[in-house]
Amino acid sequence: MPTGIETTKQALDDFQKIQRHMLIAKEENATKTYESLKDDYLIIKAFLQVSGVNITDIDKIKE
């Protein structure tokens, strides 16, 4: 069973990856892809905030 820190690390990795894909989708005007990724982005962002992670500096999307 993963520890809290392992779960948070995985969420941070996923957050970074989703943001990267969102930025590419936005650049390519792939609006459906962007909106689909945004759902995952918001869920992981909420999890990290509830976990006490300050994502201000790493959040490139700012939504």
N, C-alpha and C. Protein backbone atom coordinates (compact mmCIF):
# COMPACT_ATOMS: atom_id res chain seq x y z
N MET A 1 0.85 -1.18 0.00
CA MET A 1 0.00 0.00 0.00
C MET A 1 0.90 1.24 0.00
N PRO A 2 0.64 2.19 -0.91
CA PRO A 2 1.48 3.38 -0.98
C PRO A 2 1.28 4.29 0.23
N THR A 3 2.35 4.97 0.59
CA THR A 3 2.27 5.93 1.69
C THR A 3 1.71 7.24 1.17
N GLY A 4 1.41 8.15 2.08
CA GLY A 4 0.89 9.46 1.71
C GLY A 4 1.86 10.22 0.82
N ILE A 5 3.14 10.13 1.13
CA ILE A 5 4.14 10.85 0.35
C ILE A 5 4.26 10.25 -1.05
N GLU A 6 4.14 8.93 -1.16
CA GLU A 6 4.19 8.28 -2.48
C GLU A 6 2.98 8.68 -3.33
N THR A 7 1.83 8.74 -2.71
CA THR A 7 0.61 9.15 -3.40
C THR A 7 0.71 10.59 -3.87
N THR A 8 1.23 11.45 -3.01
CA THR A 8 1.40 12.85 -3.36
C THR A 8 2.43 13.02 -4.47
N LYS A 9 3.50 12.27 -4.42
CA LYS A 9 4.53 12.32 -5.47
C LYS A 9 3.93 11.90 -6.81
N GLN A 10 3.14 10.85 -6.82
CA GLN A 10 2.49 10.40 -8.06
C GLN A 10 1.53 11.48 -8.57
N ALA A 11 0.79 12.10 -7.68
CA ALA A 11 -0.14 13.16 -8.08
C ALA A 11 0.62 14.35 -8.67
N LEU A 12 1.75 14.70 -8.08
CA LEU A 12 2.57 15.79 -8.62
C LEU A 12 3.11 15.45 -10.00
N ASP A 13 3.56 14.22 -10.19
CA ASP A 13 4.04 13.78 -11.49
C ASP A 13 2.91 13.84 -12.53
N ASP A 14 1.72 13.37 -12.14
CA ASP A 14 0.57 13.40 -13.04
C ASP A 14 0.16 14.84 -13.35
N PHE A 15 0.20 15.70 -12.35
CA PHE A 15 -0.14 17.11 -12.52
C PHE A 15 0.79 17.76 -13.54
N GLN A 16 2.07 17.49 -13.42
CA GLN A 16 3.06 18.05 -14.36
C GLN A 16 2.81 17.54 -15.78
N LYS A 17 2.54 16.24 -15.91
CA LYS A 17 2.33 15.65 -17.23
C LYS A 17 1.05 16.20 -17.87
N ILE A 18 -0.02 16.29 -17.10
CA ILE A 18 -1.28 16.81 -17.63
C ILE A 18 -1.12 18.26 -18.06
N GLN A 19 -0.42 19.06 -17.27
CA GLN A 19 -0.20 20.46 -17.65
C GLN A 19 0.56 20.55 -18.97
N ARG A 20 1.57 19.73 -19.13
CA ARG A 20 2.36 19.74 -20.36
C ARG A 20 1.47 19.42 -21.57
N HIS A 21 0.62 18.40 -21.43
CA HIS A 21 -0.28 18.03 -22.52
C HIS A 21 -1.34 19.11 -22.77
N MET A 22 -1.81 19.75 -21.71
CA MET A 22 -2.78 20.84 -21.87
C MET A 22 -2.18 22.00 -22.65
N LEU A 23 -0.94 22.35 -22.34
CA LEU A 23 -0.29 23.45 -23.04
C LEU A 23 -0.10 23.13 -24.52
N ILE A 24 0.25 21.89 -24.82
CA ILE A 24 0.40 21.47 -26.22
C ILE A 24 -0.97 21.52 -26.92
N ALA A 25 -1.99 21.01 -26.26
CA ALA A 25 -3.34 21.01 -26.85
C ALA A 25 -3.81 22.43 -27.11
N LYS A 26 -3.53 23.33 -26.19
CA LYS A 26 -3.94 24.73 -26.36
C LYS A 26 -3.20 25.35 -27.55
N GLU A 27 -1.92 25.07 -27.66
CA GLU A 27 -1.10 25.59 -28.76
C GLU A 27 -1.61 25.08 -30.11
N GLU A 28 -2.08 23.84 -30.14
CA GLU A 28 -2.57 23.23 -31.38
C GLU A 28 -4.06 23.48 -31.61
N ASN A 29 -4.69 24.25 -30.74
CA ASN A 29 -6.13 24.51 -30.81
C ASN A 29 -6.96 23.23 -30.76
N ALA A 30 -6.49 22.27 -30.00
CA ALA A 30 -7.21 21.00 -29.81
C ALA A 30 -8.15 21.17 -28.61
N THR A 31 -9.26 21.87 -28.83
CA THR A 31 -10.13 22.27 -27.72
C THR A 31 -10.76 21.08 -27.00
N LYS A 32 -11.15 20.05 -27.74
CA LYS A 32 -11.76 18.88 -27.09
C LYS A 32 -10.74 18.16 -26.21
N THR A 33 -9.53 18.03 -26.71
CA THR A 33 -8.46 17.39 -25.94
C THR A 33 -8.16 18.22 -24.70
N TYR A 34 -8.07 19.54 -24.86
CA TYR A 34 -7.79 20.44 -23.74
C TYR A 34 -8.85 20.29 -22.65
N GLU A 35 -10.11 20.31 -23.05
CA GLU A 35 -11.20 20.21 -22.08
C GLU A 35 -11.20 18.86 -21.37
N SER A 36 -10.87 17.81 -22.09
CA SER A 36 -10.79 16.48 -21.48
C SER A 36 -9.67 16.43 -20.44
N LEU A 37 -8.53 16.96 -20.79
CA LEU A 37 -7.40 17.01 -19.85
C LEU A 37 -7.71 17.91 -18.66
N LYS A 38 -8.49 18.96 -18.89
CA LYS A 38 -8.82 19.90 -17.83
C LYS A 38 -9.57 19.22 -16.69
N ASP A 39 -10.41 18.24 -17.02
CA ASP A 39 -11.13 17.50 -15.97
C ASP A 39 -10.13 16.81 -15.03
N ASP A 40 -9.14 16.12 -15.60
CA ASP A 40 -8.13 15.46 -14.78
C ASP A 40 -7.28 16.47 -14.02
N TYR A 41 -6.96 17.56 -14.68
CA TYR A 41 -6.17 18.64 -14.06
C TYR A 41 -6.85 19.17 -12.80
N LEU A 42 -8.15 19.44 -12.90
CA LEU A 42 -8.87 20.00 -11.76
C LEU A 42 -8.97 19.01 -10.60
N ILE A 43 -9.14 17.74 -10.91
CA ILE A 43 -9.22 16.72 -9.85
C ILE A 43 -7.89 16.59 -9.13
N ILE A 44 -6.80 16.51 -9.89
CA ILE A 44 -5.48 16.39 -9.26
C ILE A 44 -5.12 17.67 -8.52
N LYS A 45 -5.48 18.81 -9.06
CA LYS A 45 -5.20 20.09 -8.40
C LYS A 45 -5.93 20.14 -7.05
N ALA A 46 -7.17 19.72 -7.03
CA ALA A 46 -7.93 19.70 -5.77
C ALA A 46 -7.30 18.74 -4.76
N PHE A 47 -6.90 17.56 -5.22
CA PHE A 47 -6.24 16.59 -4.33
C PHE A 47 -4.98 17.18 -3.72
N LEU A 48 -4.16 17.81 -4.55
CA LEU A 48 -2.90 18.38 -4.05
C LEU A 48 -3.17 19.51 -3.05
N GLN A 49 -4.16 20.33 -3.32
CA GLN A 49 -4.48 21.42 -2.40
C GLN A 49 -4.98 20.88 -1.06
N VAL A 50 -5.84 19.87 -1.10
CA VAL A 50 -6.34 19.25 0.13
C VAL A 50 -5.20 18.59 0.90
N SER A 51 -4.22 18.08 0.16
CA SER A 51 -3.06 17.43 0.78
C SER A 51 -2.06 18.44 1.36
N GLY A 52 -2.33 19.72 1.14
CA GLY A 52 -1.47 20.75 1.71
C GLY A 52 -0.29 21.14 0.82
N VAL A 53 -0.31 20.71 -0.43
CA VAL A 53 0.78 21.05 -1.35
C VAL A 53 0.53 22.43 -1.93
N ASN A 54 1.52 23.31 -1.83
CA ASN A 54 1.42 24.64 -2.41
C ASN A 54 1.82 24.53 -3.89
N ILE A 55 0.83 24.63 -4.76
CA ILE A 55 1.10 24.45 -6.19
C ILE A 55 1.22 25.78 -6.93
N THR A 56 1.25 26.86 -6.21
CA THR A 56 1.29 28.19 -6.82
C THR A 56 2.42 28.31 -7.83
N ASP A 57 3.60 27.88 -7.48
CA ASP A 57 4.75 28.04 -8.36
C ASP A 57 4.80 27.04 -9.50
N ILE A 58 4.16 25.90 -9.35
CA ILE A 58 4.24 24.87 -10.40
C ILE A 58 3.02 24.85 -11.31
N ASP A 59 1.98 25.60 -10.96
CA ASP A 59 0.76 25.62 -11.76
C ASP A 59 0.92 26.57 -12.95
N LYS A 60 1.14 26.00 -14.13
CA LYS A 60 1.37 26.80 -15.33
C LYS A 60 0.05 27.18 -16.01
N ILE A 61 -1.03 26.50 -15.68
CA ILE A 61 -2.31 26.74 -16.34
C ILE A 61 -3.08 27.86 -15.64
N LYS A 62 -3.07 27.92 -14.34
CA LYS A 62 -3.71 28.97 -13.53
C LYS A 62 -5.22 29.02 -13.73
N GLU A 63 -5.86 27.86 -13.81
CA GLU A 63 -7.33 27.83 -13.92
C GLU A 63 -7.93 27.32 -12.64
